Amino acid sequence: AAGLVAAIGFALLPAAVYYDGLVQKASLASFLLCLFLFAIA
């Protein structure tokens, strides 16, 4: 249940959508942060 809530919240988060559309390193940083959390989990 927590996994679904986290995924939905991140999918709809306006700041995440916004930065994924910019030529800025925030998009790659967010992806790598989630990859790190996945590996730690």
Full PDB file with SEQRES, HELIX, SHEET, SSBOND, CRYST1, ORIGX, SCALE, CONECT and MASTER records, all heavy atoms in Angstrom:
SEQRES   1 A   41  ALA ALA GLY LEU VAL ALA ALA ILE GLY PHE ALA LEU LEU          
SEQRES   2 A   41  PRO ALA ALA VAL TYR TYR ASP GLY LEU VAL GLN LYS ALA          
SEQRES   3 A   41  SER LEU ALA SER PHE LEU LEU CYS LEU PHE LEU PHE ALA          
SEQRES   4 A   41  ILE ALA                                                      
HELIX    1 AA1 ALA A    2  LEU A   12  1                                  11    
HELIX    2 AA2 PRO A   14  ASP A   20  1                                   7    
HELIX    3 AA3 ALA A   26  ILE A   40  1                                  15    
CRYST1    1.000    1.000    1.000  90.00  90.00  90.00 P 1           1          
ORIGX1      1.000000  0.000000  0.000000        0.00000                         
ORIGX2      0.000000  1.000000  0.000000        0.00000                         
ORIGX3      0.000000  0.000000  1.000000        0.00000                         
SCALE1      1.000000  0.000000  0.000000        0.00000                         
SCALE2      0.000000  1.000000  0.000000        0.00000                         
SCALE3      0.000000  0.000000  1.000000        0.00000                         
ATOM      1  N   ALA A   1       0.835  -1.202   0.000  1.00  0.00           N  
ATOM      2  CA  ALA A   1       0.000   0.000   0.000  1.00  0.00           C  
ATOM      3  C   ALA A   1       0.868   1.249   0.000  1.00  0.00           C  
ATOM      4  O   ALA A   1       0.632   2.197  -0.768  1.00  0.00           O  
ATOM      5  CB  ALA A   1      -0.927  -0.005   1.222  1.00  0.00           C  
ATOM      6  N   ALA A   2       1.915   1.245   0.828  1.00  0.00           N  
ATOM      7  CA  ALA A   2       2.826   2.389   0.868  1.00  0.00           C  
ATOM      8  C   ALA A   2       3.552   2.551  -0.460  1.00  0.00           C  
ATOM      9  O   ALA A   2       3.789   3.675  -0.921  1.00  0.00           O  
ATOM     10  CB  ALA A   2       3.831   2.217   2.010  1.00  0.00           C  
ATOM     11  N   GLY A   3       3.913   1.427  -1.093  1.00  0.00           N  
ATOM     12  CA  GLY A   3       4.592   1.505  -2.384  1.00  0.00           C  
ATOM     13  C   GLY A   3       3.728   2.137  -3.448  1.00  0.00           C  
ATOM     14  O   GLY A   3       4.207   2.950  -4.250  1.00  0.00           O  
ATOM     15  N   LEU A   4       2.455   1.799  -3.469  1.00  0.00           N  
ATOM     16  CA  LEU A   4       1.538   2.383  -4.450  1.00  0.00           C  
ATOM     17  C   LEU A   4       1.344   3.879  -4.195  1.00  0.00           C  
ATOM     18  O   LEU A   4       1.333   4.683  -5.138  1.00  0.00           O  
ATOM     19  CB  LEU A   4       0.194   1.660  -4.404  1.00  0.00           C  
ATOM     20  CG  LEU A   4       0.185   0.204  -4.888  1.00  0.00           C  
ATOM     21  CD1 LEU A   4      -1.181  -0.415  -4.670  1.00  0.00           C  
ATOM     22  CD2 LEU A   4       0.582   0.129  -6.364  1.00  0.00           C  
ATOM     23  N   VAL A   5       1.196   4.243  -2.932  1.00  0.00           N  
ATOM     24  CA  VAL A   5       1.018   5.665  -2.602  1.00  0.00           C  
ATOM     25  C   VAL A   5       2.246   6.465  -3.008  1.00  0.00           C  
ATOM     26  O   VAL A   5       2.139   7.560  -3.588  1.00  0.00           O  
ATOM     27  CB  VAL A   5       0.733   5.834  -1.092  1.00  0.00           C  
ATOM     28  CG1 VAL A   5       0.788   7.306  -0.694  1.00  0.00           C  
ATOM     29  CG2 VAL A   5      -0.625   5.244  -0.737  1.00  0.00           C  
ATOM     30  N   ALA A   6       3.438   5.930  -2.725  1.00  0.00           N  
ATOM     31  CA  ALA A   6       4.674   6.635  -3.080  1.00  0.00           C  
ATOM     32  C   ALA A   6       4.790   6.807  -4.590  1.00  0.00           C  
ATOM     33  O   ALA A   6       5.165   7.881  -5.085  1.00  0.00           O  
ATOM     34  CB  ALA A   6       5.880   5.876  -2.529  1.00  0.00           C  
ATOM     35  N   ALA A   7       4.481   5.743  -5.339  1.00  0.00           N  
ATOM     36  CA  ALA A   7       4.595   5.812  -6.799  1.00  0.00           C  
ATOM     37  C   ALA A   7       3.598   6.810  -7.379  1.00  0.00           C  
ATOM     38  O   ALA A   7       3.950   7.624  -8.249  1.00  0.00           O  
ATOM     39  CB  ALA A   7       4.373   4.422  -7.405  1.00  0.00           C  
ATOM     40  N   ILE A   8       2.361   6.762  -6.909  1.00  0.00           N  
ATOM     41  CA  ILE A   8       1.345   7.692  -7.424  1.00  0.00           C  
ATOM     42  C   ILE A   8       1.708   9.130  -7.075  1.00  0.00           C  
ATOM     43  O   ILE A   8       1.603  10.039  -7.910  1.00  0.00           O  
ATOM     44  CB  ILE A   8      -0.042   7.327  -6.852  1.00  0.00           C  
ATOM     45  CG1 ILE A   8      -0.504   5.980  -7.404  1.00  0.00           C  
ATOM     46  CG2 ILE A   8      -1.068   8.406  -7.195  1.00  0.00           C  
ATOM     47  CD1 ILE A   8      -1.756   5.441  -6.750  1.00  0.00           C  
ATOM     48  N   GLY A   9       2.147   9.342  -5.831  1.00  0.00           N  
ATOM     49  CA  GLY A   9       2.523  10.694  -5.419  1.00  0.00           C  
ATOM     50  C   GLY A   9       3.656  11.261  -6.248  1.00  0.00           C  
ATOM     51  O   GLY A   9       3.619  12.424  -6.662  1.00  0.00           O  
ATOM     52  N   PHE A  10       4.663  10.431  -6.541  1.00  0.00           N  
ATOM     53  CA  PHE A  10       5.801  10.891  -7.339  1.00  0.00           C  
ATOM     54  C   PHE A  10       5.397  11.097  -8.793  1.00  0.00           C  
ATOM     55  O   PHE A  10       5.876  12.017  -9.466  1.00  0.00           O  
ATOM     56  CB  PHE A  10       6.938   9.886  -7.227  1.00  0.00           C  
ATOM     57  CG  PHE A  10       8.262  10.387  -7.741  1.00  0.00           C  
ATOM     58  CD1 PHE A  10       8.576  11.731  -7.730  1.00  0.00           C  
ATOM     59  CD2 PHE A  10       9.202   9.510  -8.236  1.00  0.00           C  
ATOM     60  CE1 PHE A  10       9.796  12.197  -8.200  1.00  0.00           C  
ATOM     61  CE2 PHE A  10      10.426   9.950  -8.710  1.00  0.00           C  
ATOM     62  CZ  PHE A  10      10.715  11.305  -8.696  1.00  0.00           C  
ATOM     63  N   ALA A  11       4.515  10.247  -9.296  1.00  0.00           N  
ATOM     64  CA  ALA A  11       4.060  10.370 -10.687  1.00  0.00           C  
ATOM     65  C   ALA A  11       3.341  11.692 -10.921  1.00  0.00           C  
ATOM     66  O   ALA A  11       3.466  12.298 -11.994  1.00  0.00           O  
ATOM     67  CB  ALA A  11       3.145   9.206 -11.050  1.00  0.00           C  
ATOM     68  N   LEU A  12       2.610  12.150  -9.914  1.00  0.00           N  
ATOM     69  CA  LEU A  12       1.789  13.356 -10.070  1.00  0.00           C  
ATOM     70  C   LEU A  12       2.466  14.617  -9.525  1.00  0.00           C  
ATOM     71  O   LEU A  12       1.920  15.712  -9.697  1.00  0.00           O  
ATOM     72  CB  LEU A  12       0.447  13.172  -9.353  1.00  0.00           C  
ATOM     73  CG  LEU A  12      -0.431  12.006  -9.823  1.00  0.00           C  
ATOM     74  CD1 LEU A  12      -1.713  11.958  -9.002  1.00  0.00           C  
ATOM     75  CD2 LEU A  12      -0.746  12.135 -11.306  1.00  0.00           C  
ATOM     76  N   LEU A  13       3.592  14.491  -8.877  1.00  0.00           N  
ATOM     77  CA  LEU A  13       4.240  15.648  -8.256  1.00  0.00           C  
ATOM     78  C   LEU A  13       4.623  16.676  -9.318  1.00  0.00           C  
ATOM     79  O   LEU A  13       5.452  16.401 -10.188  1.00  0.00           O  
ATOM     80  CB  LEU A  13       5.479  15.212  -7.483  1.00  0.00           C  
ATOM     81  CG  LEU A  13       6.184  16.300  -6.664  1.00  0.00           C  
ATOM     82  CD1 LEU A  13       5.273  16.796  -5.543  1.00  0.00           C  
ATOM     83  CD2 LEU A  13       7.498  15.773  -6.103  1.00  0.00           C  
ATOM     84  N   PRO A  14       4.052  17.872  -9.283  1.00  0.00           N  
ATOM     85  CA  PRO A  14       4.334  18.867 -10.337  1.00  0.00           C  
ATOM     86  C   PRO A  14       5.812  19.215 -10.461  1.00  0.00           C  
ATOM     87  O   PRO A  14       6.317  19.387 -11.574  1.00  0.00           O  
ATOM     88  CB  PRO A  14       3.506  20.078  -9.895  1.00  0.00           C  
ATOM     89  CG  PRO A  14       2.397  19.504  -9.090  1.00  0.00           C  
ATOM     90  CD  PRO A  14       3.007  18.343  -8.354  1.00  0.00           C  
ATOM     91  N   ALA A  15       6.514  19.326  -9.336  1.00  0.00           N  
ATOM     92  CA  ALA A  15       7.935  19.665  -9.410  1.00  0.00           C  
ATOM     93  C   ALA A  15       8.722  18.596 -10.164  1.00  0.00           C  
ATOM     94  O   ALA A  15       9.641  18.908 -10.935  1.00  0.00           O  
ATOM     95  CB  ALA A  15       8.502  19.840  -8.002  1.00  0.00           C  
ATOM     96  N   ALA A  16       8.365  17.316  -9.962  1.00  0.00           N  
ATOM     97  CA  ALA A  16       9.049  16.234 -10.668  1.00  0.00           C  
ATOM     98  C   ALA A  16       8.758  16.294 -12.164  1.00  0.00           C  
ATOM     99  O   ALA A  16       9.652  16.115 -13.001  1.00  0.00           O  
ATOM    100  CB  ALA A  16       8.624  14.884 -10.095  1.00  0.00           C  
ATOM    101  N   VAL A  17       7.503  16.546 -12.516  1.00  0.00           N  
ATOM    102  CA  VAL A  17       7.136  16.685 -13.930  1.00  0.00           C  
ATOM    103  C   VAL A  17       7.876  17.863 -14.556  1.00  0.00           C  
ATOM    104  O   VAL A  17       8.402  17.774 -15.676  1.00  0.00           O  
ATOM    105  CB  VAL A  17       5.610  16.870 -14.067  1.00  0.00           C  
ATOM    106  CG1 VAL A  17       5.226  17.135 -15.525  1.00  0.00           C  
ATOM    107  CG2 VAL A  17       4.872  15.651 -13.539  1.00  0.00           C  
ATOM    108  N   TYR A  18       7.931  18.959 -13.827  1.00  0.00           N  
ATOM    109  CA  TYR A  18       8.576  20.177 -14.315  1.00  0.00           C  
ATOM    110  C   TYR A  18      10.058  19.954 -14.592  1.00  0.00           C  
ATOM    111  O   TYR A  18      10.569  20.288 -15.669  1.00  0.00           O  
ATOM    112  CB  TYR A  18       8.366  21.276 -13.271  1.00  0.00           C  
ATOM    113  CG  TYR A  18       9.224  22.505 -13.431  1.00  0.00           C  
ATOM    114  CD1 TYR A  18       9.074  23.358 -14.519  1.00  0.00           C  
ATOM    115  CD2 TYR A  18      10.164  22.844 -12.459  1.00  0.00           C  
ATOM    116  CE1 TYR A  18       9.843  24.495 -14.649  1.00  0.00           C  
ATOM    117  CE2 TYR A  18      10.935  23.978 -12.573  1.00  0.00           C  
ATOM    118  CZ  TYR A  18      10.783  24.808 -13.670  1.00  0.00           C  
ATOM    119  OH  TYR A  18      11.542  25.938 -13.790  1.00  0.00           O  
ATOM    120  N   TYR A  19      10.770  19.367 -13.627  1.00  0.00           N  
ATOM    121  CA  TYR A  19      12.212  19.192 -13.794  1.00  0.00           C  
ATOM    122  C   TYR A  19      12.556  18.116 -14.816  1.00  0.00           C  
ATOM    123  O   TYR A  19      13.617  18.185 -15.454  1.00  0.00           O  
ATOM    124  CB  TYR A  19      12.864  18.877 -12.447  1.00  0.00           C  
ATOM    125  CG  TYR A  19      13.041  20.118 -11.590  1.00  0.00           C  
ATOM    126  CD1 TYR A  19      12.300  20.292 -10.434  1.00  0.00           C  
ATOM    127  CD2 TYR A  19      13.927  21.119 -11.967  1.00  0.00           C  
ATOM    128  CE1 TYR A  19      12.435  21.432  -9.654  1.00  0.00           C  
ATOM    129  CE2 TYR A  19      14.076  22.253 -11.209  1.00  0.00           C  
ATOM    130  CZ  TYR A  19      13.325  22.411 -10.055  1.00  0.00           C  
ATOM    131  OH  TYR A  19      13.468  23.549  -9.299  1.00  0.00           O  
ATOM    132  N   ASP A  20      11.681  17.132 -14.997  1.00  0.00           N  
ATOM    133  CA  ASP A  20      11.927  16.157 -16.066  1.00  0.00           C  
ATOM    134  C   ASP A  20      11.835  16.796 -17.446  1.00  0.00           C  
ATOM    135  O   ASP A  20      12.350  16.243 -18.421  1.00  0.00           O  
ATOM    136  CB  ASP A  20      10.922  15.000 -15.964  1.00  0.00           C  
ATOM    137  CG  ASP A  20      11.271  14.020 -14.859  1.00  0.00           C  
ATOM    138  OD1 ASP A  20      12.446  13.982 -14.461  1.00  0.00           O  
ATOM    139  OD2 ASP A  20      10.365  13.294 -14.396  1.00  0.00           O  
ATOM    140  N   GLY A  21      11.196  17.951 -17.536  1.00  0.00           N  
ATOM    141  CA  GLY A  21      11.063  18.639 -18.822  1.00  0.00           C  
ATOM    142  C   GLY A  21      12.086  19.723 -19.057  1.00  0.00           C  
ATOM    143  O   GLY A  21      12.047  20.387 -20.098  1.00  0.00           O  
ATOM    144  N   LEU A  22      13.014  19.927 -18.109  1.00  0.00           N  
ATOM    145  CA  LEU A  22      14.047  20.950 -18.264  1.00  0.00           C  
ATOM    146  C   LEU A  22      15.377  20.318 -18.654  1.00  0.00           C  
ATOM    147  O   LEU A  22      15.644  19.158 -18.312  1.00  0.00           O  
ATOM    148  CB  LEU A  22      14.252  21.724 -16.955  1.00  0.00           C  
ATOM    149  CG  LEU A  22      13.091  22.565 -16.419  1.00  0.00           C  
ATOM    150  CD1 LEU A  22      13.531  23.282 -15.150  1.00  0.00           C  
ATOM    151  CD2 LEU A  22      12.607  23.563 -17.456  1.00  0.00           C  
ATOM    152  N   VAL A  23      16.203  21.070 -19.340  1.00  0.00           N  
ATOM    153  CA  VAL A  23      17.574  20.632 -19.598  1.00  0.00           C  
ATOM    154  C   VAL A  23      18.387  21.011 -18.362  1.00  0.00           C  
ATOM    155  O   VAL A  23      19.149  21.985 -18.345  1.00  0.00           O  
ATOM    156  CB  VAL A  23      18.136  21.276 -20.878  1.00  0.00           C  
ATOM    157  CG1 VAL A  23      19.548  20.762 -21.164  1.00  0.00           C  
ATOM    158  CG2 VAL A  23      17.228  20.962 -22.068  1.00  0.00           C  
ATOM    159  N   GLN A  24      18.183  20.260 -17.298  1.00  0.00           N  
ATOM    160  CA  GLN A  24      18.839  20.463 -16.015  1.00  0.00           C  
ATOM    161  C   GLN A  24      19.131  19.095 -15.408  1.00  0.00           C  
ATOM    162  O   GLN A  24      18.442  18.107 -15.691  1.00  0.00           O  
ATOM    163  CB  GLN A  24      17.956  21.281 -15.062  1.00  0.00           C  
ATOM    164  CG  GLN A  24      17.651  22.692 -15.523  1.00  0.00           C  
ATOM    165  CD  GLN A  24      18.841  23.631 -15.386  1.00  0.00           C  
ATOM    166  OE1 GLN A  24      19.859  23.286 -14.785  1.00  0.00           O  
ATOM    167  NE2 GLN A  24      18.730  24.820 -15.962  1.00  0.00           N  
ATOM    168  N   LYS A  25      20.106  19.038 -14.530  1.00  0.00           N  
ATOM    169  CA  LYS A  25      20.535  17.750 -13.981  1.00  0.00           C  
ATOM    170  C   LYS A  25      19.571  17.175 -12.949  1.00  0.00           C  
ATOM    171  O   LYS A  25      19.754  16.038 -12.504  1.00  0.00           O  
ATOM    172  CB  LYS A  25      21.925  17.887 -13.360  1.00  0.00           C  
ATOM    173  CG  LYS A  25      22.009  18.857 -12.189  1.00  0.00           C  
ATOM    174  CD  LYS A  25      23.448  18.976 -11.708  1.00  0.00           C  
ATOM    175  CE  LYS A  25      23.575  19.927 -10.528  1.00  0.00           C  
ATOM    176  NZ  LYS A  25      24.985  20.047 -10.092  1.00  0.00           N  
ATOM    177  N   ALA A  26      18.536  17.920 -12.557  1.00  0.00           N  
ATOM    178  CA  ALA A  26      17.609  17.439 -11.535  1.00  0.00           C  
ATOM    179  C   ALA A  26      16.924  16.143 -11.954  1.00  0.00           C  
ATOM    180  O   ALA A  26      16.671  15.264 -11.120  1.00  0.00           O  
ATOM    181  CB  ALA A  26      16.566  18.506 -11.234  1.00  0.00           C  
ATOM    182  N   SER A  27      16.599  15.999 -13.235  1.00  0.00           N  
ATOM    183  CA  SER A  27      15.922  14.787 -13.703  1.00  0.00           C  
ATOM    184  C   SER A  27      16.805  13.560 -13.522  1.00  0.00           C  
ATOM    185  O   SER A  27      16.369  12.533 -12.982  1.00  0.00           O  
ATOM    186  CB  SER A  27      15.521  14.937 -15.174  1.00  0.00           C  
ATOM    187  OG  SER A  27      14.924  13.755 -15.655  1.00  0.00           O  
ATOM    188  N   LEU A  28      18.054  13.643 -13.959  1.00  0.00           N  
ATOM    189  CA  LEU A  28      18.977  12.523 -13.808  1.00  0.00           C  
ATOM    190  C   LEU A  28      19.262  12.257 -12.335  1.00  0.00           C  
ATOM    191  O   LEU A  28      19.367  11.095 -11.915  1.00  0.00           O  
ATOM    192  CB  LEU A  28      20.280  12.816 -14.557  1.00  0.00           C  
ATOM    193  CG  LEU A  28      21.355  11.720 -14.534  1.00  0.00           C  
ATOM    194  CD1 LEU A  28      20.810  10.425 -15.125  1.00  0.00           C  
ATOM    195  CD2 LEU A  28      22.602  12.177 -15.278  1.00  0.00           C  
ATOM    196  N   ALA A  29      19.359  13.303 -11.530  1.00  0.00           N  
ATOM    197  CA  ALA A  29      19.604  13.133 -10.102  1.00  0.00           C  
ATOM    198  C   ALA A  29      18.448  12.405  -9.426  1.00  0.00           C  
ATOM    199  O   ALA A  29      18.659  11.522  -8.585  1.00  0.00           O  
ATOM    200  CB  ALA A  29      19.829  14.494  -9.441  1.00  0.00           C  
ATOM    201  N   SER A  30      17.218  12.750  -9.782  1.00  0.00           N  
ATOM    202  CA  SER A  30      16.052  12.076  -9.199  1.00  0.00           C  
ATOM    203  C   SER A  30      16.038  10.595  -9.561  1.00  0.00           C  
ATOM    204  O   SER A  30      15.753   9.734  -8.719  1.00  0.00           O  
ATOM    205  CB  SER A  30      14.763  12.742  -9.685  1.00  0.00           C  
ATOM    206  OG  SER A  30      14.670  14.070  -9.226  1.00  0.00           O  
ATOM    207  N   PHE A  31      16.342  10.296 -10.815  1.00  0.00           N  
ATOM    208  CA  PHE A  31      16.388   8.900 -11.243  1.00  0.00           C  
ATOM    209  C   PHE A  31      17.446   8.119 -10.462  1.00  0.00           C  
ATOM    210  O   PHE A  31      17.179   7.013  -9.952  1.00  0.00           O  
ATOM    211  CB  PHE A  31      16.689   8.833 -12.742  1.00  0.00           C  
ATOM    212  CG  PHE A  31      17.070   7.460 -13.221  1.00  0.00           C  
ATOM    213  CD1 PHE A  31      16.106   6.481 -13.392  1.00  0.00           C  
ATOM    214  CD2 PHE A  31      18.395   7.156 -13.484  1.00  0.00           C  
ATOM    215  CE1 PHE A  31      16.462   5.195 -13.818  1.00  0.00           C  
ATOM    216  CE2 PHE A  31      18.753   5.886 -13.909  1.00  0.00           C  
ATOM    217  CZ  PHE A  31      17.787   4.904 -14.083  1.00  0.00           C  
ATOM    218  N   LEU A  32      18.636   8.683 -10.334  1.00  0.00           N  
ATOM    219  CA  LEU A  32      19.711   7.978  -9.636  1.00  0.00           C  
ATOM    220  C   LEU A  32      19.429   7.855  -8.143  1.00  0.00           C  
ATOM    221  O   LEU A  32      19.803   6.856  -7.515  1.00  0.00           O  
ATOM    222  CB  LEU A  32      21.043   8.703  -9.873  1.00  0.00           C  
ATOM    223  CG  LEU A  32      21.575   8.628 -11.310  1.00  0.00           C  
ATOM    224  CD1 LEU A  32      22.800   9.513 -11.473  1.00  0.00           C  
ATOM    225  CD2 LEU A  32      21.900   7.188 -11.684  1.00  0.00           C  
ATOM    226  N   LEU A  33      18.772   8.850  -7.560  1.00  0.00           N  
ATOM    227  CA  LEU A  33      18.396   8.757  -6.159  1.00  0.00           C  
ATOM    228  C   LEU A  33      17.421   7.600  -5.952  1.00  0.00           C  
ATOM    229  O   LEU A  33      17.570   6.807  -5.006  1.00  0.00           O  
ATOM    230  CB  LEU A  33      17.769  10.069  -5.692  1.00  0.00           C  
ATOM    231  CG  LEU A  33      17.203  10.070  -4.264  1.00  0.00           C  
ATOM    232  CD1 LEU A  33      18.283   9.721  -3.247  1.00  0.00           C  
ATOM    233  CD2 LEU A  33      16.576  11.419  -3.942  1.00  0.00           C  
ATOM    234  N   CYS A  34      16.418   7.478  -6.817  1.00  0.00           N  
ATOM    235  CA  CYS A  34      15.460   6.376  -6.705  1.00  0.00           C  
ATOM    236  C   CYS A  34      16.138   5.034  -6.961  1.00  0.00           C  
ATOM    237  O   CYS A  34      15.798   4.024  -6.323  1.00  0.00           O  
ATOM    238  CB  CYS A  34      14.302   6.583  -7.677  1.00  0.00           C  
ATOM    239  SG  CYS A  34      13.234   7.974  -7.244  1.00  0.00           S  
ATOM    240  N   LEU A  35      17.099   5.012  -7.875  1.00  0.00           N  
ATOM    241  CA  LEU A  35      17.849   3.777  -8.128  1.00  0.00           C  
ATOM    242  C   LEU A  35      18.647   3.381  -6.888  1.00  0.00           C  
ATOM    243  O   LEU A  35      18.706   2.199  -6.515  1.00  0.00           O  
ATOM    244  CB  LEU A  35      18.786   3.980  -9.321  1.00  0.00           C  
ATOM    245  CG  LEU A  35      19.618   2.765  -9.755  1.00  0.00           C  
ATOM    246  CD1 LEU A  35      18.705   1.632 -10.201  1.00  0.00           C  
ATOM    247  CD2 LEU A  35      20.592   3.154 -10.863  1.00  0.00           C  
ATOM    248  N   PHE A  36      19.245   4.354  -6.223  1.00  0.00           N  
ATOM    249  CA  PHE A  36      19.992   4.091  -4.989  1.00  0.00           C  
ATOM    250  C   PHE A  36      19.067   3.561  -3.895  1.00  0.00           C  
ATOM    251  O   PHE A  36      19.381   2.590  -3.203  1.00  0.00           O  
ATOM    252  CB  PHE A  36      20.692   5.373  -4.546  1.00  0.00           C  
ATOM    253  CG  PHE A  36      21.327   5.288  -3.181  1.00  0.00           C  
ATOM    254  CD1 PHE A  36      22.371   4.411  -2.941  1.00  0.00           C  
ATOM    255  CD2 PHE A  36      20.878   6.087  -2.146  1.00  0.00           C  
ATOM    256  CE1 PHE A  36      22.953   4.315  -1.683  1.00  0.00           C  
ATOM    257  CE2 PHE A  36      21.455   6.012  -0.888  1.00  0.00           C  
ATOM    258  CZ  PHE A  36      22.496   5.119  -0.658  1.00  0.00           C  
ATOM    259  N   LEU A  37      17.902   4.189  -3.723  1.00  0.00           N  
ATOM    260  CA  LEU A  37      16.944   3.732  -2.716  1.00  0.00           C  
ATOM    261  C   LEU A  37      16.475   2.306  -3.017  1.00  0.00           C  
ATOM    262  O   LEU A  37      16.301   1.487  -2.109  1.00  0.00           O  
ATOM    263  CB  LEU A  37      15.750   4.683  -2.658  1.00  0.00           C  
ATOM    264  CG  LEU A  37      16.039   6.095  -2.153  1.00  0.00           C  
ATOM    265  CD1 LEU A  37      14.789   6.962  -2.265  1.00  0.00           C  
ATOM    266  CD2 LEU A  37      16.551   6.076  -0.715  1.00  0.00           C  
ATOM    267  N   PHE A  38      16.268   2.013  -4.304  1.00  0.00           N  
ATOM    268  CA  PHE A  38      15.857   0.676  -4.712  1.00  0.00           C  
ATOM    269  C   PHE A  38      16.936  -0.352  -4.357  1.00  0.00           C  
ATOM    270  O   PHE A  38      16.643  -1.441  -3.841  1.00  0.00           O  
ATOM    271  CB  PHE A  38      15.577   0.663  -6.212  1.00  0.00           C  
ATOM    272  CG  PHE A  38      15.231  -0.682  -6.769  1.00  0.00           C  
ATOM    273  CD1 PHE A  38      13.973  -1.229  -6.570  1.00  0.00           C  
ATOM    274  CD2 PHE A  38      16.158  -1.410  -7.499  1.00  0.00           C  
ATOM    275  CE1 PHE A  38      13.642  -2.473  -7.087  1.00  0.00           C  
ATOM    276  CE2 PHE A  38      15.843  -2.654  -8.021  1.00  0.00           C  
ATOM    277  CZ  PHE A  38      14.585  -3.190  -7.813  1.00  0.00           C  
ATOM    278  N   ALA A  39      18.197   0.010  -4.623  1.00  0.00           N  
ATOM    279  CA  ALA A  39      19.305  -0.903  -4.315  1.00  0.00           C  
ATOM    280  C   ALA A  39      19.440  -1.103  -2.813  1.00  0.00           C  
ATOM    281  O   ALA A  39      19.654  -2.232  -2.340  1.00  0.00           O  
ATOM    282  CB  ALA A  39      20.608  -0.366  -4.904  1.00  0.00           C  
ATOM    283  N   ILE A  40      19.297  -0.028  -2.049  1.00  0.00           N  
ATOM    284  CA  ILE A  40      19.381  -0.135  -0.591  1.00  0.00           C  
ATOM    285  C   ILE A  40      18.247  -1.008  -0.051  1.00  0.00           C  
ATOM    286  O   ILE A  40      18.437  -1.830   0.846  1.00  0.00           O  
ATOM    287  CB  ILE A  40      19.328   1.263   0.053  1.00  0.00           C  
ATOM    288  CG1 ILE A  40      20.653   1.996  -0.152  1.00  0.00           C  
ATOM    289  CG2 ILE A  40      19.005   1.176   1.535  1.00  0.00           C  
ATOM    290  CD1 ILE A  40      21.802   1.436   0.644  1.00  0.00           C  
ATOM    291  N   ALA A  41      17.043  -0.828  -0.606  1.00  0.00           N  
ATOM    292  CA  ALA A  41      15.894  -1.604  -0.146  1.00  0.00           C  
ATOM    293  C   ALA A  41      16.076  -3.097  -0.407  1.00  0.00           C  
ATOM    294  O   ALA A  41      15.495  -3.928   0.287  1.00  0.00           O  
ATOM    295  CB  ALA A  41      14.624  -1.109  -0.821  1.00  0.00           C  
TER     296      ALA A  41                                                      
MASTER        0    0    0    3    0    0    0    6  295    1    0    4          
END                                                                             
